[in-house]
Amino acid sequence: MEVSDSPNGLAVSDEAIWVSNGHADTVSRIDGVDGEVAVTTVGDNPVGLVAGFGAIWVSNSSDDTISRIDAVTLTVTDTIAVGRRPAGIAVSADALWVVAERDDTVSRIDPTTRQVTDVIDVARGLSGLAATDDAVWVASTDDDSVSQIDLATRSVTDAITVDGDPRDVVATAEAIWVASDEETVIRIDTQARTVTGIVSFDPFDGDVRLGHSDGDP
């Protein structure tokens, strides 16, 4: 299915698939029933995006902003200034979390006020992140680690060593799954906070997507 120039980020809502198009500065909505494509113009070089709180939130890496797209009207309703080179973005129960790659920080955004409430220093070379009920997990390619941010204290409480330049992260209740630049996916047990498995791929594109089945992921 054709969308636009340089598709990179992907998000799924109840009724549609959303794709960020970096060079075109747009987000495409693909209807889940008829496949019809609608396009919304956002900021400069959109990369990450996530669905939540009745909207699609898009990190625009070249103008240091987050665009909020209303999921019904498909219009940008807010533009939020964040740290330098925003990339990975995730939602928890009450907030948005955004990596600022050039600042080595993660910002917390209140989805109601649409304001940055916290900026957390994490590690060098941040990339992807994912949220669970009690934590945000952030990959650091430069430090070969995955950091845990406690949602209650909004501070880094742990850093787990992961070899191979970890790049992207997804989370389940039992485990964190990390894609590395060395064509592997690493499983981290969230309770023990240790690496419990490594799966190799060749070739591998460096992104992890979480799927659901009748069994555990």
N, C-alpha and C. Protein backbone atom coordinates (compact mmCIF):
# COMPACT_ATOMS: atom_id res chain seq x y z
N MET A 1 0.84 -1.19 0.00
CA MET A 1 0.00 0.00 0.00
C MET A 1 0.87 1.24 0.00
N GLU A 2 0.62 2.18 -0.89
CA GLU A 2 1.44 3.38 -1.01
C GLU A 2 0.95 4.46 -0.03
N VAL A 3 1.90 5.07 0.70
CA VAL A 3 1.54 6.15 1.60
C VAL A 3 2.19 7.45 1.13
N SER A 4 3.44 7.72 1.50
CA SER A 4 4.10 8.95 1.07
C SER A 4 5.60 8.74 1.12
N ASP A 5 6.35 9.83 1.14
CA ASP A 5 7.80 9.76 1.02
C ASP A 5 8.46 9.38 2.35
N SER A 6 9.32 8.38 2.32
CA SER A 6 10.12 7.94 3.47
C SER A 6 9.27 7.55 4.68
N PRO A 7 8.38 6.57 4.56
CA PRO A 7 7.65 6.10 5.73
C PRO A 7 8.61 5.47 6.73
N ASN A 8 8.42 5.78 8.02
CA ASN A 8 9.32 5.20 9.02
C ASN A 8 8.57 4.75 10.28
N GLY A 9 7.91 5.65 11.01
CA GLY A 9 7.21 5.26 12.22
C GLY A 9 5.85 4.64 11.93
N LEU A 10 5.38 3.83 12.89
CA LEU A 10 4.10 3.14 12.73
C LEU A 10 3.38 3.09 14.07
N ALA A 11 2.07 3.37 14.03
CA ALA A 11 1.24 3.23 15.23
C ALA A 11 -0.11 2.65 14.81
N VAL A 12 -0.78 2.01 15.78
CA VAL A 12 -2.07 1.39 15.51
C VAL A 12 -3.08 1.89 16.53
N SER A 13 -4.22 2.38 16.06
CA SER A 13 -5.34 2.73 16.92
C SER A 13 -6.46 1.74 16.69
N ASP A 14 -7.62 1.96 17.29
CA ASP A 14 -8.71 1.01 17.20
C ASP A 14 -9.20 0.81 15.76
N GLU A 15 -9.16 1.85 14.94
CA GLU A 15 -9.78 1.79 13.63
C GLU A 15 -8.82 2.03 12.48
N ALA A 16 -7.54 2.26 12.77
CA ALA A 16 -6.65 2.66 11.68
C ALA A 16 -5.19 2.34 12.00
N ILE A 17 -4.38 2.37 10.95
CA ILE A 17 -2.93 2.34 11.05
C ILE A 17 -2.42 3.72 10.68
N TRP A 18 -1.39 4.18 11.41
CA TRP A 18 -0.84 5.51 11.20
C TRP A 18 0.64 5.39 10.86
N VAL A 19 1.08 6.12 9.84
CA VAL A 19 2.47 6.03 9.38
C VAL A 19 3.05 7.43 9.27
N SER A 20 4.23 7.63 9.89
CA SER A 20 4.92 8.91 9.73
C SER A 20 5.78 8.86 8.48
N ASN A 21 5.78 9.96 7.71
CA ASN A 21 6.52 10.06 6.46
C ASN A 21 7.56 11.17 6.60
N GLY A 22 8.80 10.76 6.89
CA GLY A 22 9.82 11.72 7.30
C GLY A 22 10.08 12.83 6.31
N HIS A 23 10.38 12.52 5.07
CA HIS A 23 10.74 13.56 4.10
C HIS A 23 9.54 14.40 3.68
N ALA A 24 8.35 13.84 3.80
CA ALA A 24 7.15 14.58 3.38
C ALA A 24 6.56 15.43 4.49
N ASP A 25 7.04 15.26 5.73
CA ASP A 25 6.51 16.01 6.88
C ASP A 25 5.00 15.77 7.06
N THR A 26 4.62 14.50 6.93
CA THR A 26 3.20 14.15 7.03
C THR A 26 3.02 12.87 7.83
N VAL A 27 1.78 12.63 8.23
CA VAL A 27 1.36 11.36 8.80
C VAL A 27 0.19 10.84 7.96
N SER A 28 0.26 9.59 7.55
CA SER A 28 -0.81 8.97 6.78
C SER A 28 -1.67 8.10 7.69
N ARG A 29 -2.98 8.24 7.56
CA ARG A 29 -3.93 7.37 8.25
C ARG A 29 -4.49 6.37 7.26
N ILE A 30 -4.34 5.07 7.54
CA ILE A 30 -4.86 4.02 6.69
C ILE A 30 -6.06 3.40 7.39
N ASP A 31 -7.22 3.54 6.79
CA ASP A 31 -8.43 3.02 7.40
C ASP A 31 -8.37 1.50 7.51
N GLY A 32 -8.73 0.99 8.69
CA GLY A 32 -8.63 -0.44 8.93
C GLY A 32 -9.68 -1.26 8.21
N VAL A 33 -10.72 -0.63 7.67
CA VAL A 33 -11.78 -1.36 6.98
C VAL A 33 -11.61 -1.30 5.47
N ASP A 34 -11.54 -0.08 4.93
CA ASP A 34 -11.51 0.04 3.47
C ASP A 34 -10.13 0.40 2.91
N GLY A 35 -9.14 0.62 3.79
CA GLY A 35 -7.79 0.93 3.33
C GLY A 35 -7.61 2.33 2.79
N GLU A 36 -8.62 3.18 2.92
CA GLU A 36 -8.50 4.55 2.42
C GLU A 36 -7.41 5.29 3.20
N VAL A 37 -6.62 6.09 2.46
CA VAL A 37 -5.51 6.81 3.06
C VAL A 37 -5.84 8.31 3.14
N ALA A 38 -5.67 8.89 4.34
CA ALA A 38 -5.80 10.32 4.54
C ALA A 38 -4.48 10.84 5.10
N VAL A 39 -4.12 12.07 4.74
CA VAL A 39 -2.80 12.60 5.08
C VAL A 39 -2.94 13.89 5.89
N THR A 40 -2.14 14.00 6.95
CA THR A 40 -2.09 15.20 7.79
C THR A 40 -0.67 15.74 7.81
N THR A 41 -0.52 17.02 7.57
CA THR A 41 0.80 17.66 7.64
C THR A 41 1.15 17.96 9.09
N VAL A 42 2.38 17.60 9.49
CA VAL A 42 2.82 17.81 10.87
C VAL A 42 4.09 18.67 10.87
N GLY A 43 5.04 18.36 11.75
CA GLY A 43 6.26 19.15 11.83
C GLY A 43 7.34 18.64 10.89
N ASP A 44 8.57 19.08 11.17
CA ASP A 44 9.70 18.80 10.29
C ASP A 44 10.31 17.44 10.62
N ASN A 45 10.26 16.54 9.64
CA ASN A 45 10.85 15.20 9.75
C ASN A 45 10.23 14.37 10.88
N PRO A 46 8.95 14.02 10.77
CA PRO A 46 8.33 13.17 11.79
C PRO A 46 8.93 11.77 11.76
N VAL A 47 9.16 11.23 12.97
CA VAL A 47 9.75 9.88 13.06
C VAL A 47 8.86 8.98 13.93
N GLY A 48 8.93 9.14 15.25
CA GLY A 48 8.12 8.32 16.12
C GLY A 48 6.68 8.80 16.21
N LEU A 49 5.77 7.88 16.48
CA LEU A 49 4.38 8.24 16.73
C LEU A 49 3.72 7.16 17.56
N VAL A 50 2.67 7.58 18.29
CA VAL A 50 1.97 6.66 19.18
C VAL A 50 0.53 7.11 19.30
N ALA A 51 -0.37 6.15 19.49
CA ALA A 51 -1.79 6.45 19.70
C ALA A 51 -2.10 6.43 21.18
N GLY A 52 -2.92 7.41 21.62
CA GLY A 52 -3.33 7.44 23.02
C GLY A 52 -4.09 8.70 23.36
N PHE A 53 -4.99 8.61 24.32
CA PHE A 53 -5.74 9.76 24.81
C PHE A 53 -6.52 10.46 23.70
N GLY A 54 -7.10 9.67 22.79
CA GLY A 54 -7.93 10.21 21.72
C GLY A 54 -7.17 10.92 20.62
N ALA A 55 -5.88 10.67 20.52
CA ALA A 55 -5.08 11.39 19.56
C ALA A 55 -3.91 10.54 19.09
N ILE A 56 -3.23 11.05 18.05
CA ILE A 56 -1.96 10.51 17.60
C ILE A 56 -0.90 11.55 17.91
N TRP A 57 0.18 11.12 18.56
CA TRP A 57 1.24 12.01 18.99
C TRP A 57 2.48 11.71 18.17
N VAL A 58 3.06 12.73 17.57
CA VAL A 58 4.12 12.55 16.58
C VAL A 58 5.36 13.33 17.00
N SER A 59 6.52 12.67 17.05
CA SER A 59 7.76 13.38 17.34
C SER A 59 8.39 13.85 16.04
N ASN A 60 8.61 15.17 15.97
CA ASN A 60 9.20 15.80 14.79
C ASN A 60 10.68 16.08 15.09
N SER A 61 11.56 15.25 14.53
CA SER A 61 12.94 15.24 15.00
C SER A 61 13.75 16.46 14.58
N SER A 62 13.35 17.15 13.52
CA SER A 62 14.15 18.28 13.04
C SER A 62 13.69 19.64 13.55
N ASP A 63 12.53 19.72 14.20
CA ASP A 63 12.13 21.01 14.79
C ASP A 63 11.82 20.90 16.28
N ASP A 64 12.17 19.75 16.88
CA ASP A 64 12.13 19.60 18.34
C ASP A 64 10.73 19.82 18.90
N THR A 65 9.74 19.20 18.25
CA THR A 65 8.36 19.35 18.71
C THR A 65 7.63 18.01 18.67
N ILE A 66 6.49 18.01 19.37
CA ILE A 66 5.51 16.92 19.29
C ILE A 66 4.22 17.49 18.72
N SER A 67 3.69 16.86 17.68
CA SER A 67 2.40 17.25 17.12
C SER A 67 1.31 16.34 17.68
N ARG A 68 0.19 16.95 18.07
CA ARG A 68 -0.99 16.18 18.48
C ARG A 68 -2.00 16.21 17.35
N ILE A 69 -2.33 15.03 16.80
CA ILE A 69 -3.34 14.92 15.76
C ILE A 69 -4.62 14.38 16.38
N ASP A 70 -5.71 15.12 16.24
CA ASP A 70 -7.00 14.62 16.69
C ASP A 70 -7.37 13.40 15.84
N ALA A 71 -7.66 12.28 16.49
CA ALA A 71 -7.89 11.04 15.77
C ALA A 71 -9.18 11.04 14.96
N VAL A 72 -10.08 11.98 15.24
CA VAL A 72 -11.35 12.06 14.50
C VAL A 72 -11.27 13.07 13.37
N THR A 73 -10.82 14.28 13.67
CA THR A 73 -10.80 15.34 12.65
C THR A 73 -9.55 15.28 11.78
N LEU A 74 -8.53 14.55 12.23
CA LEU A 74 -7.25 14.42 11.51
C LEU A 74 -6.54 15.76 11.34
N THR A 75 -6.75 16.66 12.28
CA THR A 75 -6.08 17.96 12.26
C THR A 75 -5.10 18.06 13.44
N VAL A 76 -4.05 18.83 13.26
CA VAL A 76 -3.11 19.07 14.34
C VAL A 76 -3.71 20.12 15.27
N THR A 77 -3.90 19.73 16.53
CA THR A 77 -4.54 20.64 17.49
C THR A 77 -3.54 21.31 18.43
N ASP A 78 -2.34 20.70 18.57
CA ASP A 78 -1.33 21.27 19.46
C ASP A 78 0.06 20.92 18.94
N THR A 79 1.00 21.83 19.20
CA THR A 79 2.41 21.57 18.92
C THR A 79 3.17 21.88 20.20
N ILE A 80 3.90 20.88 20.71
CA ILE A 80 4.53 20.96 22.02
C ILE A 80 6.05 20.96 21.85
N ALA A 81 6.72 21.97 22.39
CA ALA A 81 8.19 22.03 22.33
C ALA A 81 8.78 21.05 23.34
N VAL A 82 9.77 20.27 22.89
CA VAL A 82 10.45 19.32 23.78
C VAL A 82 11.95 19.48 23.60
N GLY A 83 12.72 18.46 24.00
CA GLY A 83 14.16 18.53 23.87
C GLY A 83 14.63 18.36 22.43
N ARG A 84 15.93 18.39 22.27
CA ARG A 84 16.51 18.35 20.93
C ARG A 84 16.46 16.95 20.33
N ARG A 85 15.99 16.92 19.09
CA ARG A 85 15.85 15.70 18.28
C ARG A 85 14.98 14.65 18.96
N PRO A 86 13.71 14.94 19.15
CA PRO A 86 12.79 13.93 19.70
C PRO A 86 12.65 12.75 18.75
N ALA A 87 12.56 11.57 19.35
CA ALA A 87 12.48 10.35 18.52
C ALA A 87 11.46 9.40 19.11
N GLY A 88 11.90 8.42 19.89
CA GLY A 88 10.98 7.45 20.46
C GLY A 88 9.93 8.11 21.34
N ILE A 89 8.71 7.58 21.27
CA ILE A 89 7.59 8.15 22.04
C ILE A 89 6.68 7.00 22.49
N ALA A 90 6.18 7.09 23.72
CA ALA A 90 5.34 6.03 24.28
C ALA A 90 4.30 6.64 25.19
N VAL A 91 3.25 5.87 25.50
CA VAL A 91 2.22 6.31 26.43
C VAL A 91 2.15 5.37 27.62
N SER A 92 1.98 5.96 28.81
CA SER A 92 1.62 5.21 30.01
C SER A 92 0.17 5.54 30.34
N ALA A 93 -0.29 5.16 31.51
CA ALA A 93 -1.71 5.36 31.85
C ALA A 93 -2.11 6.82 31.89
N ASP A 94 -1.16 7.72 32.25
CA ASP A 94 -1.54 9.11 32.43
C ASP A 94 -0.59 10.10 31.78
N ALA A 95 0.30 9.63 30.92
CA ALA A 95 1.29 10.55 30.37
C ALA A 95 1.87 10.05 29.06
N LEU A 96 2.53 10.98 28.37
CA LEU A 96 3.36 10.66 27.20
C LEU A 96 4.82 10.76 27.63
N TRP A 97 5.67 9.96 26.99
CA TRP A 97 7.10 9.96 27.30
C TRP A 97 7.86 10.04 25.98
N VAL A 98 8.82 10.97 25.90
CA VAL A 98 9.51 11.23 24.64
C VAL A 98 11.02 11.28 24.86
N VAL A 99 11.76 10.56 24.04
CA VAL A 99 13.21 10.63 24.05
C VAL A 99 13.68 11.87 23.29
N ALA A 100 14.62 12.61 23.88
CA ALA A 100 15.34 13.68 23.18
C ALA A 100 16.76 13.19 22.95
N GLU A 101 17.05 12.75 21.73
CA GLU A 101 18.31 12.06 21.46
C GLU A 101 19.54 12.92 21.72
N ARG A 102 19.48 14.17 21.36
CA ARG A 102 20.67 15.02 21.52
C ARG A 102 20.86 15.53 22.95
N ASP A 103 19.84 15.42 23.77
CA ASP A 103 19.95 15.87 25.16
C ASP A 103 20.17 14.72 26.14
N ASP A 104 20.05 13.48 25.65
CA ASP A 104 20.15 12.30 26.52
C ASP A 104 19.11 12.34 27.64
N THR A 105 17.91 12.78 27.30
CA THR A 105 16.85 12.93 28.29
C THR A 105 15.55 12.30 27.79
N VAL A 106 14.65 12.08 28.76
CA VAL A 106 13.27 11.69 28.45
C VAL A 106 12.34 12.73 29.08
N SER A 107 11.40 13.22 28.30
CA SER A 107 10.43 14.21 28.79
C SER A 107 9.09 13.53 29.04
N ARG A 108 8.44 13.94 30.13
CA ARG A 108 7.08 13.51 30.43
C ARG A 108 6.13 14.64 30.04
N ILE A 109 5.08 14.30 29.29
CA ILE A 109 4.09 15.28 28.85
C ILE A 109 2.73 14.90 29.42
N ASP A 110 2.07 15.86 30.04
CA ASP A 110 0.70 15.66 30.51
C ASP A 110 -0.23 15.78 29.30
N PRO A 111 -1.01 14.73 28.96
CA PRO A 111 -1.84 14.79 27.76
C PRO A 111 -3.03 15.72 27.88
N THR A 112 -3.38 16.11 29.10
CA THR A 112 -4.52 17.03 29.29
C THR A 112 -4.08 18.48 29.12
N THR A 113 -3.03 18.86 29.84
CA THR A 113 -2.54 20.24 29.72
C THR A 113 -1.65 20.42 28.51
N ARG A 114 -1.13 19.30 28.00
CA ARG A 114 -0.20 19.30 26.86
C ARG A 114 1.04 20.13 27.16
N GLN A 115 1.54 19.95 28.37
CA GLN A 115 2.74 20.62 28.82
C GLN A 115 3.76 19.58 29.29
N VAL A 116 5.04 19.92 29.12
CA VAL A 116 6.11 19.08 29.66
C VAL A 116 6.16 19.28 31.17
N THR A 117 6.05 18.19 31.92
CA THR A 117 6.04 18.28 33.38
C THR A 117 7.36 17.87 34.01
N ASP A 118 8.13 17.03 33.32
CA ASP A 118 9.40 16.55 33.86
C ASP A 118 10.37 16.30 32.71
N VAL A 119 11.65 16.56 32.97
CA VAL A 119 12.73 16.20 32.05
C VAL A 119 13.74 15.40 32.84
N ILE A 120 13.98 14.16 32.40
CA ILE A 120 14.77 13.21 33.18
C ILE A 120 16.07 12.88 32.43
N ASP A 121 17.21 13.11 33.07
CA ASP A 121 18.49 12.69 32.51
C ASP A 121 18.60 11.18 32.57
N VAL A 122 18.99 10.54 31.46
CA VAL A 122 18.99 9.08 31.43
C VAL A 122 20.38 8.53 31.11
N ALA A 123 20.75 8.48 29.84
CA ALA A 123 22.03 7.90 29.43
C ALA A 123 22.38 8.45 28.06
N ARG A 124 23.57 8.11 27.58
CA ARG A 124 24.02 8.60 26.28
C ARG A 124 23.43 7.77 25.15
N GLY A 125 23.13 8.45 24.05
CA GLY A 125 22.69 7.75 22.85
C GLY A 125 21.35 7.09 22.97
N LEU A 126 20.36 7.82 23.50
CA LEU A 126 19.03 7.23 23.68
C LEU A 126 18.35 7.01 22.33
N SER A 127 17.49 5.99 22.32
CA SER A 127 16.78 5.66 21.09
C SER A 127 15.32 5.35 21.38
N GLY A 128 14.93 4.07 21.37
CA GLY A 128 13.54 3.71 21.59
C GLY A 128 13.18 3.62 23.05
N LEU A 129 11.88 3.63 23.33
CA LEU A 129 11.39 3.46 24.69
C LEU A 129 10.02 2.82 24.68
N ALA A 130 9.64 2.25 25.82
CA ALA A 130 8.33 1.62 25.99
C ALA A 130 7.88 1.81 27.42
N ALA A 131 6.56 1.81 27.63
CA ALA A 131 6.00 2.03 28.96
C ALA A 131 5.22 0.81 29.42
N THR A 132 5.32 0.50 30.73
CA THR A 132 4.49 -0.50 31.37
C THR A 132 3.65 0.20 32.44
N ASP A 133 2.99 -0.56 33.30
CA ASP A 133 2.14 0.04 34.32
C ASP A 133 2.92 0.84 35.35
N ASP A 134 4.19 0.49 35.55
CA ASP A 134 4.95 1.15 36.61
C ASP A 134 6.29 1.72 36.18
N ALA A 135 6.63 1.60 34.91
CA ALA A 135 7.96 2.07 34.49
C ALA A 135 7.98 2.42 33.01
N VAL A 136 8.99 3.22 32.65
CA VAL A 136 9.35 3.45 31.26
C VAL A 136 10.74 2.86 31.06
N TRP A 137 10.93 2.14 29.96
CA TRP A 137 12.19 1.48 29.66
C TRP A 137 12.79 2.13 28.42
N VAL A 138 14.06 2.52 28.51
CA VAL A 138 14.69 3.32 27.46
C VAL A 138 15.99 2.67 27.01
N ALA A 139 16.15 2.50 25.69
CA ALA A 139 17.37 1.93 25.14
C ALA A 139 18.43 2.99 24.94
N SER A 140 19.68 2.65 25.28
CA SER A 140 20.84 3.53 25.06
C SER A 140 21.86 2.79 24.21
N THR A 141 22.05 3.25 22.96
CA THR A 141 23.00 2.59 22.07
C THR A 141 24.44 2.86 22.47
N ASP A 142 24.73 4.05 22.99
CA ASP A 142 26.11 4.38 23.36
C ASP A 142 26.55 3.67 24.64
N ASP A 143 25.64 3.50 25.58
CA ASP A 143 25.99 2.87 26.85
C ASP A 143 25.70 1.37 26.89
N ASP A 144 25.14 0.83 25.79
CA ASP A 144 24.77 -0.59 25.76
C ASP A 144 23.94 -0.96 26.99
N SER A 145 22.86 -0.22 27.17
CA SER A 145 22.04 -0.46 28.35
C SER A 145 20.57 -0.16 28.05
N VAL A 146 19.71 -0.67 28.94
CA VAL A 146 18.29 -0.29 28.97
C VAL A 146 18.01 0.25 30.36
N SER A 147 17.58 1.51 30.43
CA SER A 147 17.33 2.16 31.71
C SER A 147 15.85 2.06 32.08
N GLN A 148 15.61 1.94 33.39
CA GLN A 148 14.25 1.92 33.91
C GLN A 148 13.96 3.24 34.61
N ILE A 149 12.88 3.90 34.18
CA ILE A 149 12.39 5.11 34.84
C ILE A 149 11.15 4.75 35.64
N ASP A 150 11.19 4.96 36.94
CA ASP A 150 10.05 4.69 37.80
C ASP A 150 8.98 5.75 37.56
N LEU A 151 7.73 5.33 37.30
CA LEU A 151 6.67 6.29 37.00
C LEU A 151 6.27 7.12 38.21
N ALA A 152 6.43 6.56 39.40
CA ALA A 152 6.04 7.30 40.60
C ALA A 152 7.06 8.38 40.96
N THR A 153 8.34 8.01 40.95
CA THR A 153 9.38 8.98 41.33
C THR A 153 9.88 9.79 40.15
N ARG A 154 9.59 9.31 38.93
CA ARG A 154 10.06 9.96 37.70
C ARG A 154 11.57 10.14 37.72
N SER A 155 12.24 9.06 38.07
CA SER A 155 13.70 9.04 38.12
C SER A 155 14.19 7.68 37.66
N VAL A 156 15.46 7.63 37.21
CA VAL A 156 16.07 6.38 36.77
C VAL A 156 16.39 5.54 38.00
N THR A 157 15.87 4.32 38.03
CA THR A 157 16.08 3.44 39.18
C THR A 157 16.95 2.24 38.87
N ASP A 158 17.20 1.98 37.59
CA ASP A 158 18.04 0.84 37.24
C ASP A 158 18.54 1.01 35.81
N ALA A 159 19.67 0.37 35.49
CA ALA A 159 20.21 0.31 34.14
C ALA A 159 20.75 -1.09 33.91
N ILE A 160 20.23 -1.76 32.91
CA ILE A 160 20.57 -3.16 32.63
C ILE A 160 21.49 -3.22 31.41
N THR A 161 22.62 -3.86 31.54
CA THR A 161 23.57 -3.96 30.44
C THR A 161 23.02 -4.89 29.35
N VAL A 162 23.04 -4.38 28.11
CA VAL A 162 22.57 -5.15 26.96
C VAL A 162 23.59 -4.96 25.85
N ASP A 163 24.24 -6.01 25.43
CA ASP A 163 25.26 -5.91 24.38
C ASP A 163 24.62 -5.70 23.01
N GLY A 164 25.39 -5.06 22.13
CA GLY A 164 24.98 -5.00 20.73
C GLY A 164 24.27 -3.74 20.31
N ASP A 165 24.47 -2.62 21.00
CA ASP A 165 23.84 -1.35 20.62
C ASP A 165 22.32 -1.44 20.59
N PRO A 166 21.68 -1.54 21.74
CA PRO A 166 20.21 -1.63 21.77
C PRO A 166 19.56 -0.42 21.12
N ARG A 167 18.52 -0.66 20.35
CA ARG A 167 17.94 0.39 19.53
C ARG A 167 16.48 0.66 19.82
N ASP A 168 15.65 -0.37 19.90
CA ASP A 168 14.21 -0.18 20.07
C ASP A 168 13.71 -1.13 21.15
N VAL A 169 12.58 -0.76 21.76
CA VAL A 169 12.07 -1.49 22.91
C VAL A 169 10.55 -1.66 22.81
N VAL A 170 10.06 -2.84 23.16
CA VAL A 170 8.64 -3.03 23.44
C VAL A 170 8.52 -3.73 24.78
N ALA A 171 7.35 -3.62 25.39
CA ALA A 171 7.18 -4.14 26.74
C ALA A 171 5.91 -4.96 26.86
N THR A 172 5.98 -6.04 27.64
CA THR A 172 4.81 -6.79 28.09
C THR A 172 4.84 -6.77 29.62
N ALA A 173 3.88 -7.41 30.24
CA ALA A 173 3.84 -7.43 31.71
C ALA A 173 5.02 -8.19 32.29
N GLU A 174 5.51 -9.20 31.57
CA GLU A 174 6.56 -10.05 32.11
C GLU A 174 7.95 -9.72 31.60
N ALA A 175 8.05 -9.05 30.46
CA ALA A 175 9.36 -8.91 29.84
C ALA A 175 9.48 -7.65 29.01
N ILE A 176 10.73 -7.23 28.83
CA ILE A 176 11.09 -6.17 27.89
C ILE A 176 11.82 -6.83 26.73
N TRP A 177 11.47 -6.43 25.51
CA TRP A 177 12.10 -6.98 24.31
C TRP A 177 12.84 -5.86 23.62
N VAL A 178 14.12 -6.10 23.34
CA VAL A 178 15.01 -5.04 22.84
C VAL A 178 15.62 -5.46 21.51
N ALA A 179 15.49 -4.62 20.49
CA ALA A 179 16.16 -4.85 19.21
C ALA A 179 17.51 -4.17 19.23
N SER A 180 18.55 -4.87 18.77
CA SER A 180 19.89 -4.30 18.75
C SER A 180 20.37 -4.11 17.32
N ASP A 181 21.44 -3.32 17.18
CA ASP A 181 22.04 -3.12 15.87
C ASP A 181 22.83 -4.33 15.40
N GLU A 182 23.00 -5.31 16.26
CA GLU A 182 23.72 -6.53 15.88
C GLU A 182 22.77 -7.65 15.49
N GLU A 183 21.58 -7.25 15.01
CA GLU A 183 20.59 -8.18 14.45
C GLU A 183 20.15 -9.24 15.46
N THR A 184 19.89 -8.76 16.67
CA THR A 184 19.37 -9.63 17.71
C THR A 184 18.17 -8.98 18.39
N VAL A 185 17.34 -9.81 19.01
CA VAL A 185 16.30 -9.35 19.93
C VAL A 185 16.61 -9.98 21.29
N ILE A 186 16.66 -9.12 22.32
CA ILE A 186 17.04 -9.54 23.66
C ILE A 186 15.83 -9.48 24.57
N ARG A 187 15.62 -10.52 25.37
CA ARG A 187 14.53 -10.55 26.33
C ARG A 187 15.08 -10.22 27.72
N ILE A 188 14.45 -9.25 28.40
CA ILE A 188 14.82 -8.88 29.77
C ILE A 188 13.64 -9.18 30.68
N ASP A 189 13.86 -9.96 31.71
CA ASP A 189 12.82 -10.23 32.70
C ASP A 189 12.63 -8.99 33.57
N THR A 190 11.41 -8.49 33.66
CA THR A 190 11.18 -7.23 34.38
C THR A 190 11.28 -7.37 35.88
N GLN A 191 11.08 -8.58 36.40
CA GLN A 191 11.20 -8.78 37.84
C GLN A 191 12.65 -8.99 38.24
N ALA A 192 13.33 -9.88 37.56
CA ALA A 192 14.74 -10.16 37.89
C ALA A 192 15.68 -9.08 37.35
N ARG A 193 15.19 -8.34 36.32
CA ARG A 193 16.01 -7.30 35.68
C ARG A 193 17.31 -7.86 35.14
N THR A 194 17.19 -8.99 34.48
CA THR A 194 18.34 -9.63 33.85
C THR A 194 17.95 -10.10 32.46
N VAL A 195 18.96 -10.23 31.60
CA VAL A 195 18.75 -10.76 30.26
C VAL A 195 18.51 -12.27 30.36
N THR A 196 17.39 -12.73 29.81
CA THR A 196 17.04 -14.15 29.90
C THR A 196 17.03 -14.85 28.55
N GLY A 197 17.23 -14.13 27.47
CA GLY A 197 17.25 -14.79 26.17
C GLY A 197 17.68 -13.84 25.07
N ILE A 198 18.31 -14.39 24.02
CA ILE A 198 18.74 -13.63 22.86
C ILE A 198 18.37 -14.42 21.61
N VAL A 199 17.71 -13.75 20.67
CA VAL A 199 17.34 -14.35 19.39
C VAL A 199 18.04 -13.59 18.28
N SER A 200 18.71 -14.31 17.37
CA SER A 200 19.43 -13.68 16.27
C SER A 200 18.59 -13.69 15.00
N PHE A 201 18.74 -12.61 14.21
CA PHE A 201 18.05 -12.48 12.93
C PHE A 201 19.06 -12.04 11.88
N ASP A 202 18.84 -12.45 10.64
CA ASP A 202 19.73 -12.04 9.56
C ASP A 202 18.99 -12.13 8.24
N PRO A 203 18.72 -10.99 7.57
CA PRO A 203 18.99 -9.63 8.07
C PRO A 203 17.89 -9.20 9.04
N PHE A 204 18.11 -8.02 9.69
CA PHE A 204 17.14 -7.52 10.65
C PHE A 204 17.11 -6.00 10.56
N ASP A 205 15.94 -5.41 10.59
CA ASP A 205 15.82 -3.98 10.32
C ASP A 205 15.94 -3.09 11.55
N GLY A 206 16.09 -3.68 12.75
CA GLY A 206 16.35 -2.88 13.93
C GLY A 206 15.12 -2.40 14.68
N ASP A 207 13.93 -2.78 14.25
CA ASP A 207 12.71 -2.36 14.93
C ASP A 207 11.98 -3.58 15.49
N VAL A 208 11.34 -3.36 16.64
CA VAL A 208 10.54 -4.41 17.26
C VAL A 208 9.09 -3.95 17.26
N ARG A 209 8.18 -4.83 16.87
CA ARG A 209 6.76 -4.54 16.97
C ARG A 209 6.13 -5.62 17.82
N LEU A 210 5.23 -5.23 18.70
CA LEU A 210 4.59 -6.16 19.62
C LEU A 210 3.28 -6.66 19.02
N GLY A 211 3.17 -7.99 18.87
CA GLY A 211 1.95 -8.59 18.39
C GLY A 211 1.25 -9.34 19.49
N HIS A 212 0.01 -9.71 19.28
CA HIS A 212 -0.77 -10.44 20.28
C HIS A 212 -1.29 -11.73 19.67
N SER A 213 -1.31 -12.77 20.48
CA SER A 213 -1.86 -14.05 20.07
C SER A 213 -2.64 -14.63 21.23
N ASP A 214 -3.07 -15.86 21.08
CA ASP A 214 -3.81 -16.50 22.18
C ASP A 214 -2.91 -16.84 23.36
N GLY A 215 -1.62 -16.98 23.08
CA GLY A 215 -0.66 -17.27 24.14
C GLY A 215 0.07 -16.03 24.57
N ASP A 216 1.05 -16.21 25.46
CA ASP A 216 1.86 -15.09 25.92
C ASP A 216 2.80 -14.69 24.80
N PRO A 217 3.15 -13.35 24.74
CA PRO A 217 4.10 -12.92 23.70
C PRO A 217 5.46 -13.56 23.96
